[in-house]
N, C-alpha and C. Protein backbone atom coordinates (compact mmCIF):
# COMPACT_ATOMS: atom_id res chain seq x y z
N MET A 1 112.55 162.92 194.92
CA MET A 1 113.39 162.63 193.78
C MET A 1 112.80 163.29 192.54
N MET A 2 113.70 163.78 191.69
CA MET A 2 113.24 164.55 190.55
C MET A 2 113.91 164.07 189.27
N PHE A 3 113.22 164.35 188.15
CA PHE A 3 113.75 164.08 186.82
C PHE A 3 113.45 165.30 185.96
N GLU A 4 114.42 165.71 185.16
CA GLU A 4 114.23 166.90 184.34
C GLU A 4 114.95 166.72 183.01
N LYS A 5 114.35 167.25 181.94
CA LYS A 5 115.00 167.28 180.63
C LYS A 5 115.37 168.73 180.35
N GLU A 6 116.65 168.99 180.13
CA GLU A 6 117.12 170.35 179.88
C GLU A 6 117.51 170.48 178.42
N ILE A 7 117.09 171.59 177.80
CA ILE A 7 117.54 171.92 176.44
C ILE A 7 118.25 173.26 176.57
N GLU A 8 119.56 173.23 176.37
CA GLU A 8 120.33 174.46 176.58
C GLU A 8 121.47 174.56 175.59
N PHE A 9 121.83 175.80 175.32
CA PHE A 9 122.91 176.14 174.41
C PHE A 9 123.92 176.95 175.20
N LYS A 10 125.21 176.69 174.96
CA LYS A 10 126.27 177.32 175.75
C LYS A 10 127.37 177.84 174.84
N ASN A 11 128.05 178.87 175.31
CA ASN A 11 129.20 179.40 174.59
C ASN A 11 130.13 180.05 175.60
N LEU A 12 131.40 179.66 175.59
CA LEU A 12 132.38 180.34 176.42
C LEU A 12 132.59 181.75 175.89
N LEU A 13 132.86 182.68 176.81
CA LEU A 13 133.03 184.08 176.47
C LEU A 13 134.40 184.57 176.91
N THR A 14 134.85 185.63 176.26
CA THR A 14 136.01 186.35 176.80
C THR A 14 135.49 187.23 177.94
N GLU A 15 136.39 187.73 178.75
CA GLU A 15 135.97 188.61 179.85
C GLU A 15 135.29 189.86 179.31
N SER A 16 135.77 190.37 178.18
CA SER A 16 135.18 191.57 177.57
C SER A 16 133.76 191.29 177.07
N GLU A 17 133.54 190.14 176.41
CA GLU A 17 132.20 189.77 175.94
C GLU A 17 131.24 189.62 177.13
N TYR A 18 131.74 188.98 178.19
CA TYR A 18 130.96 188.81 179.41
C TYR A 18 130.53 190.18 179.95
N GLY A 19 131.47 191.12 180.00
CA GLY A 19 131.18 192.46 180.52
C GLY A 19 130.11 193.17 179.72
N LYS A 20 130.14 193.06 178.39
CA LYS A 20 129.14 193.73 177.55
C LYS A 20 127.75 193.16 177.80
N ILE A 21 127.64 191.84 177.85
CA ILE A 21 126.33 191.21 178.07
C ILE A 21 125.82 191.52 179.47
N ARG A 22 126.71 191.51 180.43
CA ARG A 22 126.30 191.83 181.81
C ARG A 22 125.78 193.25 181.89
N ASN A 23 126.48 194.20 181.26
CA ASN A 23 126.04 195.60 181.29
C ASN A 23 124.70 195.78 180.59
N ASP A 24 124.50 195.08 179.47
CA ASP A 24 123.27 195.25 178.69
C ASP A 24 122.06 194.57 179.32
N HIS A 25 122.25 193.43 179.94
CA HIS A 25 121.11 192.64 180.40
C HIS A 25 120.97 192.55 181.92
N PHE A 26 122.05 192.80 182.66
CA PHE A 26 121.98 192.54 184.11
C PHE A 26 122.52 193.71 184.94
N SER A 27 122.53 194.89 184.37
CA SER A 27 123.05 196.05 185.08
C SER A 27 122.26 196.26 186.37
N GLY A 28 122.95 196.28 187.50
CA GLY A 28 122.30 196.48 188.79
C GLY A 28 121.67 195.23 189.36
N GLY A 29 121.68 194.13 188.61
CA GLY A 29 121.09 192.88 189.10
C GLY A 29 121.97 192.20 190.13
N GLN A 30 121.35 191.46 191.01
CA GLN A 30 122.10 190.72 192.02
C GLN A 30 122.30 189.27 191.55
N PRO A 31 123.54 188.79 191.55
CA PRO A 31 123.78 187.43 191.08
C PRO A 31 123.41 186.38 192.12
N LEU A 32 123.15 185.18 191.64
CA LEU A 32 123.06 184.00 192.49
C LEU A 32 124.48 183.48 192.67
N HIS A 33 124.76 182.85 193.79
CA HIS A 33 126.06 182.22 194.01
C HIS A 33 125.83 180.73 194.21
N LEU A 34 126.38 179.93 193.31
CA LEU A 34 126.19 178.49 193.32
C LEU A 34 127.52 177.80 193.52
N THR A 35 127.54 176.78 194.36
CA THR A 35 128.74 175.97 194.52
C THR A 35 128.41 174.54 194.15
N ASN A 36 129.14 174.01 193.16
CA ASN A 36 129.00 172.61 192.76
C ASN A 36 130.13 171.82 193.42
N TYR A 37 129.76 170.73 194.08
CA TYR A 37 130.74 169.80 194.64
C TYR A 37 130.73 168.59 193.71
N TYR A 38 131.80 168.42 192.95
CA TYR A 38 131.85 167.33 191.95
C TYR A 38 132.33 166.03 192.57
N ILE A 39 131.70 164.95 192.15
CA ILE A 39 131.94 163.62 192.70
C ILE A 39 132.37 162.69 191.59
N ASP A 40 133.38 161.88 191.87
CA ASP A 40 133.84 160.83 190.95
C ASP A 40 134.74 159.92 191.76
N ASN A 41 135.26 158.85 191.13
CA ASN A 41 136.27 158.04 191.80
C ASN A 41 137.64 158.45 191.28
N ASN A 42 138.70 157.87 191.83
CA ASN A 42 140.06 158.28 191.44
C ASN A 42 140.35 157.99 189.97
N GLU A 43 139.65 156.99 189.40
CA GLU A 43 139.85 156.67 187.98
C GLU A 43 139.02 157.60 187.09
N LEU A 44 138.23 158.49 187.70
CA LEU A 44 137.35 159.42 186.98
C LEU A 44 136.42 158.66 186.03
N GLN A 45 135.84 157.57 186.54
CA GLN A 45 134.97 156.71 185.74
C GLN A 45 133.72 157.44 185.26
N LEU A 46 133.16 158.29 186.10
CA LEU A 46 131.95 159.02 185.70
C LEU A 46 132.21 159.92 184.51
N ILE A 47 133.18 160.82 184.64
CA ILE A 47 133.41 161.78 183.56
C ILE A 47 133.91 161.07 182.31
N ASN A 48 134.65 159.97 182.47
CA ASN A 48 135.10 159.21 181.30
C ASN A 48 133.94 158.54 180.57
N ASN A 49 132.80 158.39 181.25
CA ASN A 49 131.58 157.87 180.63
C ASN A 49 130.59 158.99 180.31
N LEU A 50 131.11 160.23 180.26
CA LEU A 50 130.32 161.42 179.91
C LEU A 50 129.18 161.68 180.89
N LEU A 51 129.35 161.25 182.13
CA LEU A 51 128.36 161.49 183.18
C LEU A 51 128.91 162.53 184.15
N MET A 52 128.02 163.23 184.83
CA MET A 52 128.43 164.21 185.82
C MET A 52 127.59 164.01 187.06
N LEU A 53 128.26 163.92 188.20
CA LEU A 53 127.58 163.78 189.48
C LEU A 53 128.05 164.91 190.38
N ARG A 54 127.08 165.67 190.90
CA ARG A 54 127.44 166.82 191.73
C ARG A 54 126.43 166.97 192.85
N ILE A 55 126.83 167.79 193.83
CA ILE A 55 125.92 168.23 194.90
C ILE A 55 125.93 169.75 194.90
N ARG A 56 124.73 170.33 195.01
CA ARG A 56 124.58 171.76 195.23
C ARG A 56 123.79 171.94 196.52
N VAL A 57 124.18 172.93 197.30
CA VAL A 57 123.41 173.25 198.50
C VAL A 57 122.40 174.32 198.11
N GLU A 58 121.11 173.98 198.23
CA GLU A 58 120.03 174.89 197.86
C GLU A 58 119.02 174.93 199.00
N GLY A 59 118.74 176.12 199.50
CA GLY A 59 117.77 176.26 200.58
C GLY A 59 118.13 175.46 201.81
N GLY A 60 119.44 175.36 202.09
CA GLY A 60 119.90 174.62 203.26
C GLY A 60 119.93 173.11 203.10
N LYS A 61 119.54 172.61 201.90
CA LYS A 61 119.55 171.17 201.64
C LYS A 61 120.58 170.84 200.56
N GLN A 62 121.17 169.66 200.67
CA GLN A 62 122.11 169.18 199.66
C GLN A 62 121.32 168.44 198.58
N LEU A 63 121.39 168.95 197.35
CA LEU A 63 120.71 168.31 196.22
C LEU A 63 121.76 167.64 195.34
N MET A 64 121.72 166.30 195.28
CA MET A 64 122.63 165.55 194.43
C MET A 64 121.97 165.37 193.06
N THR A 65 122.74 165.57 192.00
CA THR A 65 122.22 165.45 190.64
C THR A 65 123.22 164.69 189.79
N VAL A 66 122.70 163.76 188.98
CA VAL A 66 123.50 163.14 187.93
C VAL A 66 122.96 163.67 186.61
N LYS A 67 123.86 164.10 185.72
CA LYS A 67 123.47 164.58 184.40
C LYS A 67 123.92 163.56 183.37
N ILE A 68 122.98 163.19 182.50
CA ILE A 68 123.23 162.17 181.49
C ILE A 68 122.91 162.77 180.12
N PRO A 69 123.92 162.97 179.26
CA PRO A 69 123.63 163.55 177.95
C PRO A 69 122.89 162.55 177.06
N ASP A 70 122.00 163.07 176.23
CA ASP A 70 121.27 162.24 175.28
C ASP A 70 121.69 162.67 173.89
N GLU A 71 120.93 163.53 173.27
CA GLU A 71 121.32 164.05 171.97
C GLU A 71 121.95 165.41 172.19
N ARG A 72 122.47 165.99 171.13
CA ARG A 72 123.12 167.30 171.24
C ARG A 72 122.14 168.31 171.84
N HIS A 73 122.56 169.04 172.84
CA HIS A 73 121.82 170.08 173.55
C HIS A 73 120.76 169.54 174.50
N VAL A 74 120.63 168.21 174.63
CA VAL A 74 119.62 167.63 175.53
C VAL A 74 120.32 166.82 176.61
N VAL A 75 119.98 167.12 177.87
CA VAL A 75 120.58 166.43 179.02
C VAL A 75 119.45 166.00 179.95
N TYR A 76 119.53 164.75 180.44
CA TYR A 76 118.57 164.27 181.43
C TYR A 76 119.20 164.39 182.80
N GLU A 77 118.44 164.91 183.75
CA GLU A 77 118.93 165.10 185.11
C GLU A 77 118.07 164.29 186.07
N TYR A 78 118.74 163.56 186.96
CA TYR A 78 118.08 162.85 188.05
C TYR A 78 118.63 163.43 189.34
N SER A 79 117.73 163.86 190.24
CA SER A 79 118.16 164.54 191.46
C SER A 79 117.46 163.99 192.69
N GLY A 80 118.10 164.18 193.83
CA GLY A 80 117.51 163.82 195.11
C GLY A 80 118.29 164.45 196.24
N VAL A 81 117.64 164.58 197.38
CA VAL A 81 118.25 165.20 198.55
C VAL A 81 119.15 164.18 199.25
N THR A 82 120.31 164.65 199.72
CA THR A 82 121.24 163.81 200.47
C THR A 82 121.81 164.62 201.63
N ASP A 83 122.68 164.03 202.41
CA ASP A 83 123.32 164.75 203.51
C ASP A 83 124.67 164.08 203.75
N ILE A 84 125.73 164.67 203.20
CA ILE A 84 127.05 164.08 203.32
C ILE A 84 128.09 165.14 203.67
N ASP A 85 129.29 164.69 203.99
CA ASP A 85 130.43 165.57 204.25
C ASP A 85 130.91 166.13 202.91
N LEU A 86 130.92 167.46 202.76
CA LEU A 86 131.28 168.09 201.50
C LEU A 86 132.75 168.49 201.42
N THR A 87 133.57 168.00 202.33
CA THR A 87 135.00 168.29 202.31
C THR A 87 135.65 167.62 201.11
N GLU A 88 136.56 168.35 200.45
CA GLU A 88 137.27 167.75 199.30
C GLU A 88 137.96 166.48 199.75
N GLY A 89 137.79 165.42 198.97
CA GLY A 89 138.39 164.13 199.28
C GLY A 89 137.50 163.22 200.12
N ALA A 90 136.40 163.77 200.68
CA ALA A 90 135.52 162.97 201.52
C ALA A 90 134.85 161.86 200.71
N ALA A 91 134.86 160.64 201.26
CA ALA A 91 134.25 159.49 200.59
C ALA A 91 132.73 159.60 200.65
N ILE A 92 132.08 159.11 199.59
CA ILE A 92 130.63 159.10 199.50
C ILE A 92 130.16 157.68 199.73
N ASP A 93 129.35 157.47 200.76
CA ASP A 93 128.80 156.14 201.03
C ASP A 93 127.66 155.88 200.04
N GLU A 94 127.64 154.70 199.46
CA GLU A 94 126.62 154.37 198.45
C GLU A 94 125.21 154.58 198.99
N SER A 95 125.00 154.32 200.28
CA SER A 95 123.66 154.46 200.86
C SER A 95 123.19 155.91 200.92
N SER A 96 124.13 156.87 200.79
CA SER A 96 123.74 158.28 200.82
C SER A 96 123.40 158.82 199.43
N ILE A 97 123.51 157.96 198.41
CA ILE A 97 123.16 158.36 197.04
C ILE A 97 121.67 158.09 196.84
N PRO A 98 120.88 159.11 196.45
CA PRO A 98 119.45 158.89 196.25
C PRO A 98 119.19 157.72 195.29
N GLU A 99 118.11 157.00 195.56
CA GLU A 99 117.80 155.76 194.84
C GLU A 99 117.72 155.94 193.33
N ASN A 100 117.10 157.05 192.86
CA ASN A 100 116.97 157.24 191.41
C ASN A 100 118.34 157.44 190.75
N ILE A 101 119.27 158.06 191.46
CA ILE A 101 120.63 158.26 190.93
C ILE A 101 121.40 156.93 190.98
N ARG A 102 121.27 156.21 192.09
CA ARG A 102 121.92 154.89 192.21
C ARG A 102 121.51 154.00 191.04
N GLY A 103 120.22 154.02 190.71
CA GLY A 103 119.72 153.19 189.61
C GLY A 103 120.36 153.56 188.28
N GLN A 104 120.53 154.85 188.03
CA GLN A 104 121.15 155.30 186.78
C GLN A 104 122.63 154.89 186.73
N LEU A 105 123.33 154.99 187.87
CA LEU A 105 124.75 154.62 187.91
C LEU A 105 124.91 153.10 187.74
N LYS A 106 124.05 152.31 188.41
CA LYS A 106 124.12 150.85 188.27
C LYS A 106 123.87 150.43 186.83
N GLN A 107 122.89 151.07 186.21
CA GLN A 107 122.53 150.76 184.82
C GLN A 107 123.73 150.97 183.89
N ARG A 108 124.63 151.88 184.26
CA ARG A 108 125.79 152.20 183.43
C ARG A 108 127.08 151.58 183.97
N ASN A 109 126.93 150.64 184.92
CA ASN A 109 128.07 149.91 185.49
C ASN A 109 129.12 150.81 186.14
N ILE A 110 128.66 151.87 186.81
CA ILE A 110 129.56 152.78 187.52
C ILE A 110 129.76 152.25 188.94
N ARG A 111 131.01 152.04 189.34
CA ARG A 111 131.32 151.59 190.70
C ARG A 111 131.01 152.72 191.68
N MET A 112 130.30 152.38 192.74
CA MET A 112 129.92 153.38 193.73
C MET A 112 130.65 153.20 195.05
N ASP A 113 131.60 152.28 195.10
CA ASP A 113 132.28 152.00 196.37
C ASP A 113 133.49 152.90 196.61
N SER A 114 133.86 153.72 195.63
CA SER A 114 135.04 154.57 195.82
C SER A 114 134.80 156.01 195.37
N LEU A 115 133.54 156.44 195.39
CA LEU A 115 133.24 157.82 195.00
C LEU A 115 133.65 158.78 196.12
N ALA A 116 134.13 159.97 195.70
CA ALA A 116 134.56 160.99 196.67
C ALA A 116 134.38 162.37 196.06
N ILE A 117 134.35 163.39 196.92
CA ILE A 117 134.30 164.78 196.46
C ILE A 117 135.66 165.10 195.82
N GLN A 118 135.64 165.50 194.55
CA GLN A 118 136.88 165.78 193.82
C GLN A 118 137.28 167.26 193.87
N GLY A 119 136.33 168.12 194.20
CA GLY A 119 136.63 169.55 194.27
C GLY A 119 135.37 170.36 194.05
N THR A 120 135.53 171.69 194.05
CA THR A 120 134.37 172.57 193.92
C THR A 120 134.54 173.53 192.75
N LEU A 121 133.39 173.97 192.24
CA LEU A 121 133.32 175.00 191.23
C LEU A 121 132.28 176.01 191.72
N VAL A 122 132.70 177.28 191.85
CA VAL A 122 131.82 178.32 192.37
C VAL A 122 131.41 179.22 191.21
N THR A 123 130.09 179.41 191.06
CA THR A 123 129.57 180.22 189.95
C THR A 123 128.80 181.42 190.48
N GLU A 124 129.11 182.58 189.89
CA GLU A 124 128.32 183.79 190.08
C GLU A 124 127.41 183.85 188.85
N ARG A 125 126.10 183.74 189.07
CA ARG A 125 125.15 183.58 187.96
C ARG A 125 124.12 184.70 187.93
N PHE A 126 123.91 185.21 186.70
CA PHE A 126 122.81 186.13 186.42
C PHE A 126 121.86 185.41 185.48
N GLU A 127 120.55 185.59 185.67
CA GLU A 127 119.61 184.99 184.74
C GLU A 127 118.35 185.81 184.63
N LYS A 128 117.74 185.74 183.43
CA LYS A 128 116.47 186.44 183.22
C LYS A 128 115.75 185.81 182.03
N PRO A 129 114.41 185.86 182.05
CA PRO A 129 113.66 185.39 180.89
C PRO A 129 113.97 186.27 179.69
N LEU A 130 114.10 185.65 178.53
CA LEU A 130 114.35 186.39 177.29
C LEU A 130 113.63 185.68 176.16
N ASN A 131 112.72 186.38 175.53
CA ASN A 131 111.90 185.81 174.46
C ASN A 131 111.25 184.52 174.95
N LEU A 132 111.55 183.38 174.34
CA LEU A 132 110.90 182.13 174.73
C LEU A 132 111.75 181.28 175.67
N GLY A 133 112.86 181.84 176.16
CA GLY A 133 113.75 181.03 176.99
C GLY A 133 114.28 181.78 178.20
N LEU A 134 115.40 181.30 178.70
CA LEU A 134 116.05 181.88 179.87
C LEU A 134 117.51 182.17 179.51
N LEU A 135 117.91 183.43 179.65
CA LEU A 135 119.28 183.85 179.40
C LEU A 135 120.06 183.74 180.69
N VAL A 136 121.21 183.06 180.64
CA VAL A 136 122.03 182.81 181.83
C VAL A 136 123.46 183.25 181.55
N LEU A 137 124.03 184.02 182.45
CA LEU A 137 125.40 184.51 182.32
C LEU A 137 126.17 184.08 183.55
N ASP A 138 127.27 183.34 183.35
CA ASP A 138 128.03 182.76 184.46
C ASP A 138 129.49 183.20 184.46
N ARG A 139 129.99 183.41 185.67
CA ARG A 139 131.43 183.57 185.92
C ARG A 139 131.78 182.47 186.91
N SER A 140 132.64 181.52 186.49
CA SER A 140 132.94 180.35 187.32
C SER A 140 134.41 180.32 187.70
N THR A 141 134.66 179.87 188.95
CA THR A 141 136.02 179.76 189.48
C THR A 141 136.21 178.35 190.01
N TYR A 142 137.31 177.69 189.59
CA TYR A 142 137.59 176.32 190.01
C TYR A 142 139.06 176.01 189.77
N LEU A 143 139.68 175.33 190.71
CA LEU A 143 141.06 174.85 190.60
C LEU A 143 142.01 175.92 190.04
N GLY A 144 141.88 177.15 190.54
CA GLY A 144 142.77 178.23 190.14
C GLY A 144 142.43 178.86 188.79
N THR A 145 141.27 178.54 188.23
CA THR A 145 140.86 179.04 186.92
C THR A 145 139.57 179.84 187.05
N THR A 146 139.42 180.90 186.24
CA THR A 146 138.15 181.62 186.13
C THR A 146 137.76 181.65 184.66
N ASP A 147 136.49 181.34 184.37
CA ASP A 147 136.02 181.46 182.99
C ASP A 147 134.61 182.06 182.97
N PHE A 148 134.16 182.38 181.75
CA PHE A 148 132.91 183.09 181.54
C PHE A 148 132.09 182.34 180.51
N GLU A 149 130.77 182.29 180.72
CA GLU A 149 129.94 181.48 179.84
C GLU A 149 128.55 182.10 179.69
N LEU A 150 128.02 181.99 178.48
CA LEU A 150 126.65 182.38 178.19
C LEU A 150 125.85 181.11 177.94
N GLU A 151 124.65 181.03 178.53
CA GLU A 151 123.76 179.89 178.31
C GLU A 151 122.39 180.42 177.90
N PHE A 152 121.70 179.61 177.12
CA PHE A 152 120.31 179.92 176.80
C PHE A 152 119.53 178.62 176.93
N GLU A 153 118.56 178.62 177.85
CA GLU A 153 117.70 177.46 178.04
C GLU A 153 116.43 177.70 177.25
N ALA A 154 116.01 176.68 176.50
CA ALA A 154 114.90 176.84 175.55
C ALA A 154 113.87 175.72 175.70
N PRO A 155 112.65 175.97 175.19
CA PRO A 155 111.62 174.94 175.26
C PRO A 155 111.84 173.80 174.27
N ASP A 156 112.57 174.07 173.18
CA ASP A 156 112.88 173.02 172.20
C ASP A 156 114.17 173.39 171.47
N VAL A 157 114.75 172.43 170.77
CA VAL A 157 116.06 172.62 170.14
C VAL A 157 116.03 173.67 169.04
N SER A 158 115.02 173.64 168.16
CA SER A 158 115.01 174.57 167.03
C SER A 158 114.84 176.03 167.50
N THR A 159 113.96 176.25 168.46
CA THR A 159 113.79 177.60 169.01
C THR A 159 115.08 178.06 169.68
N GLY A 160 115.65 177.18 170.48
CA GLY A 160 116.88 177.52 171.19
C GLY A 160 118.01 177.87 170.25
N GLN A 161 118.17 177.07 169.19
CA GLN A 161 119.24 177.30 168.22
C GLN A 161 119.08 178.68 167.58
N ALA A 162 117.86 179.01 167.16
CA ALA A 162 117.61 180.30 166.50
C ALA A 162 117.86 181.46 167.46
N GLU A 163 117.31 181.37 168.66
CA GLU A 163 117.46 182.46 169.65
C GLU A 163 118.93 182.65 170.03
N PHE A 164 119.62 181.54 170.28
CA PHE A 164 121.01 181.62 170.74
C PHE A 164 121.90 182.20 169.65
N THR A 165 121.69 181.76 168.42
CA THR A 165 122.47 182.28 167.29
C THR A 165 122.26 183.79 167.16
N GLN A 166 121.02 184.24 167.35
CA GLN A 166 120.71 185.67 167.25
C GLN A 166 121.45 186.47 168.34
N ILE A 167 121.47 185.94 169.56
CA ILE A 167 122.16 186.62 170.66
C ILE A 167 123.65 186.75 170.34
N LEU A 168 124.26 185.64 169.91
CA LEU A 168 125.69 185.68 169.58
C LEU A 168 125.97 186.67 168.44
N ASN A 169 125.12 186.64 167.42
CA ASN A 169 125.30 187.55 166.28
C ASN A 169 125.17 189.02 166.71
N ASN A 170 124.23 189.29 167.62
CA ASN A 170 124.04 190.67 168.10
C ASN A 170 125.31 191.24 168.73
N TYR A 171 126.10 190.37 169.35
CA TYR A 171 127.32 190.80 170.04
C TYR A 171 128.59 190.51 169.23
N GLY A 172 128.43 189.93 168.04
CA GLY A 172 129.60 189.59 167.23
C GLY A 172 130.48 188.54 167.91
N ILE A 173 129.83 187.64 168.66
CA ILE A 173 130.59 186.61 169.39
C ILE A 173 130.75 185.37 168.51
N VAL A 174 131.97 184.88 168.45
CA VAL A 174 132.29 183.68 167.68
C VAL A 174 131.72 182.46 168.38
N ARG A 175 131.09 181.57 167.60
CA ARG A 175 130.56 180.31 168.18
C ARG A 175 131.75 179.42 168.53
N ARG A 176 131.82 179.02 169.80
CA ARG A 176 132.92 178.18 170.26
C ARG A 176 132.37 176.81 170.63
N ASP A 177 133.25 175.81 170.66
CA ASP A 177 132.83 174.47 171.06
C ASP A 177 132.19 174.53 172.43
N GLU A 178 131.10 173.77 172.59
CA GLU A 178 130.42 173.71 173.89
C GLU A 178 131.18 172.76 174.79
N ILE A 179 131.66 173.28 175.91
CA ILE A 179 132.29 172.45 176.93
C ILE A 179 131.60 172.80 178.24
N VAL A 180 130.80 171.87 178.75
CA VAL A 180 130.02 172.14 179.96
C VAL A 180 130.96 172.35 181.16
N LYS A 181 130.42 173.00 182.20
CA LYS A 181 131.22 173.32 183.39
C LYS A 181 131.91 172.10 183.97
N SER A 182 131.16 171.00 184.09
CA SER A 182 131.75 169.81 184.70
C SER A 182 132.93 169.32 183.88
N ALA A 183 132.83 169.36 182.54
CA ALA A 183 133.94 168.92 181.70
C ALA A 183 135.13 169.86 181.85
N ARG A 184 134.87 171.17 181.96
CA ARG A 184 135.97 172.11 182.16
C ARG A 184 136.64 171.85 183.51
N PHE A 185 135.82 171.61 184.54
CA PHE A 185 136.37 171.28 185.86
C PHE A 185 137.23 170.02 185.77
N TYR A 186 136.69 168.97 185.15
CA TYR A 186 137.42 167.70 185.09
C TYR A 186 138.65 167.78 184.20
N ASN A 187 138.62 168.59 183.14
CA ASN A 187 139.83 168.79 182.34
C ASN A 187 140.93 169.42 183.19
N ALA A 188 140.55 170.39 184.02
CA ALA A 188 141.53 171.02 184.92
C ALA A 188 141.98 170.03 185.99
N LEU A 189 141.06 169.20 186.49
CA LEU A 189 141.41 168.20 187.51
C LEU A 189 142.38 167.15 186.94
N LYS A 190 142.10 166.70 185.72
CA LYS A 190 142.98 165.71 185.06
C LYS A 190 144.38 166.31 184.89
N HIS A 191 144.41 167.57 184.47
CA HIS A 191 145.69 168.25 184.29
C HIS A 191 146.45 168.31 185.63
N LYS A 192 145.72 168.65 186.69
CA LYS A 192 146.30 168.76 188.03
C LYS A 192 146.83 167.41 188.50
N LYS A 193 146.08 166.33 188.19
CA LYS A 193 146.48 164.99 188.63
C LYS A 193 147.45 164.32 187.66
N GLY A 194 147.68 164.96 186.50
CA GLY A 194 148.56 164.35 185.50
C GLY A 194 147.95 163.14 184.82
N VAL A 195 146.60 163.17 184.68
CA VAL A 195 145.86 162.06 184.05
C VAL A 195 145.38 162.52 182.69
N ASN A 196 145.40 161.60 181.71
CA ASN A 196 144.89 161.95 180.37
C ASN A 196 143.40 161.74 180.30
């Protein structure tokens, strides 16, 4: 079981902005391919409480992670290995949720008796160290949508803010509202289900 504090800055990109950054920083690089299997109940209780629960398959193992936002740009992650059916709509048995994640969900009064796989988001990711942080460029596909995003992971908020602002300014990119992947996925899912 793992715990991690992430400090990251994000900005959605146009396809053209994505192309320029990819050419400048990742020309000839091989991307990582990540698939997130998002979990919630039919009432979308997790995302409505600003929580995100997902599974990623890494090194042949299923890693379940819950992300809990704290302050702006800071997210706490609790992770553990699991083994479940990843088919869309498949029910998640409470006993298959790692103990550290179960504890976080119980603490927030999240019902675990009706959780299921809600869908997938596939990301083609490029990343490299840059100055004091990590530059990440993503192309994500989910529920018939494709979008592009720039991320910068930093050791602290002030360094990250300065570095990220400089990167955006270098490309003349407008600062856009930060909407994390899970929120974009769930906004599309709500739209698909006709839920507000």
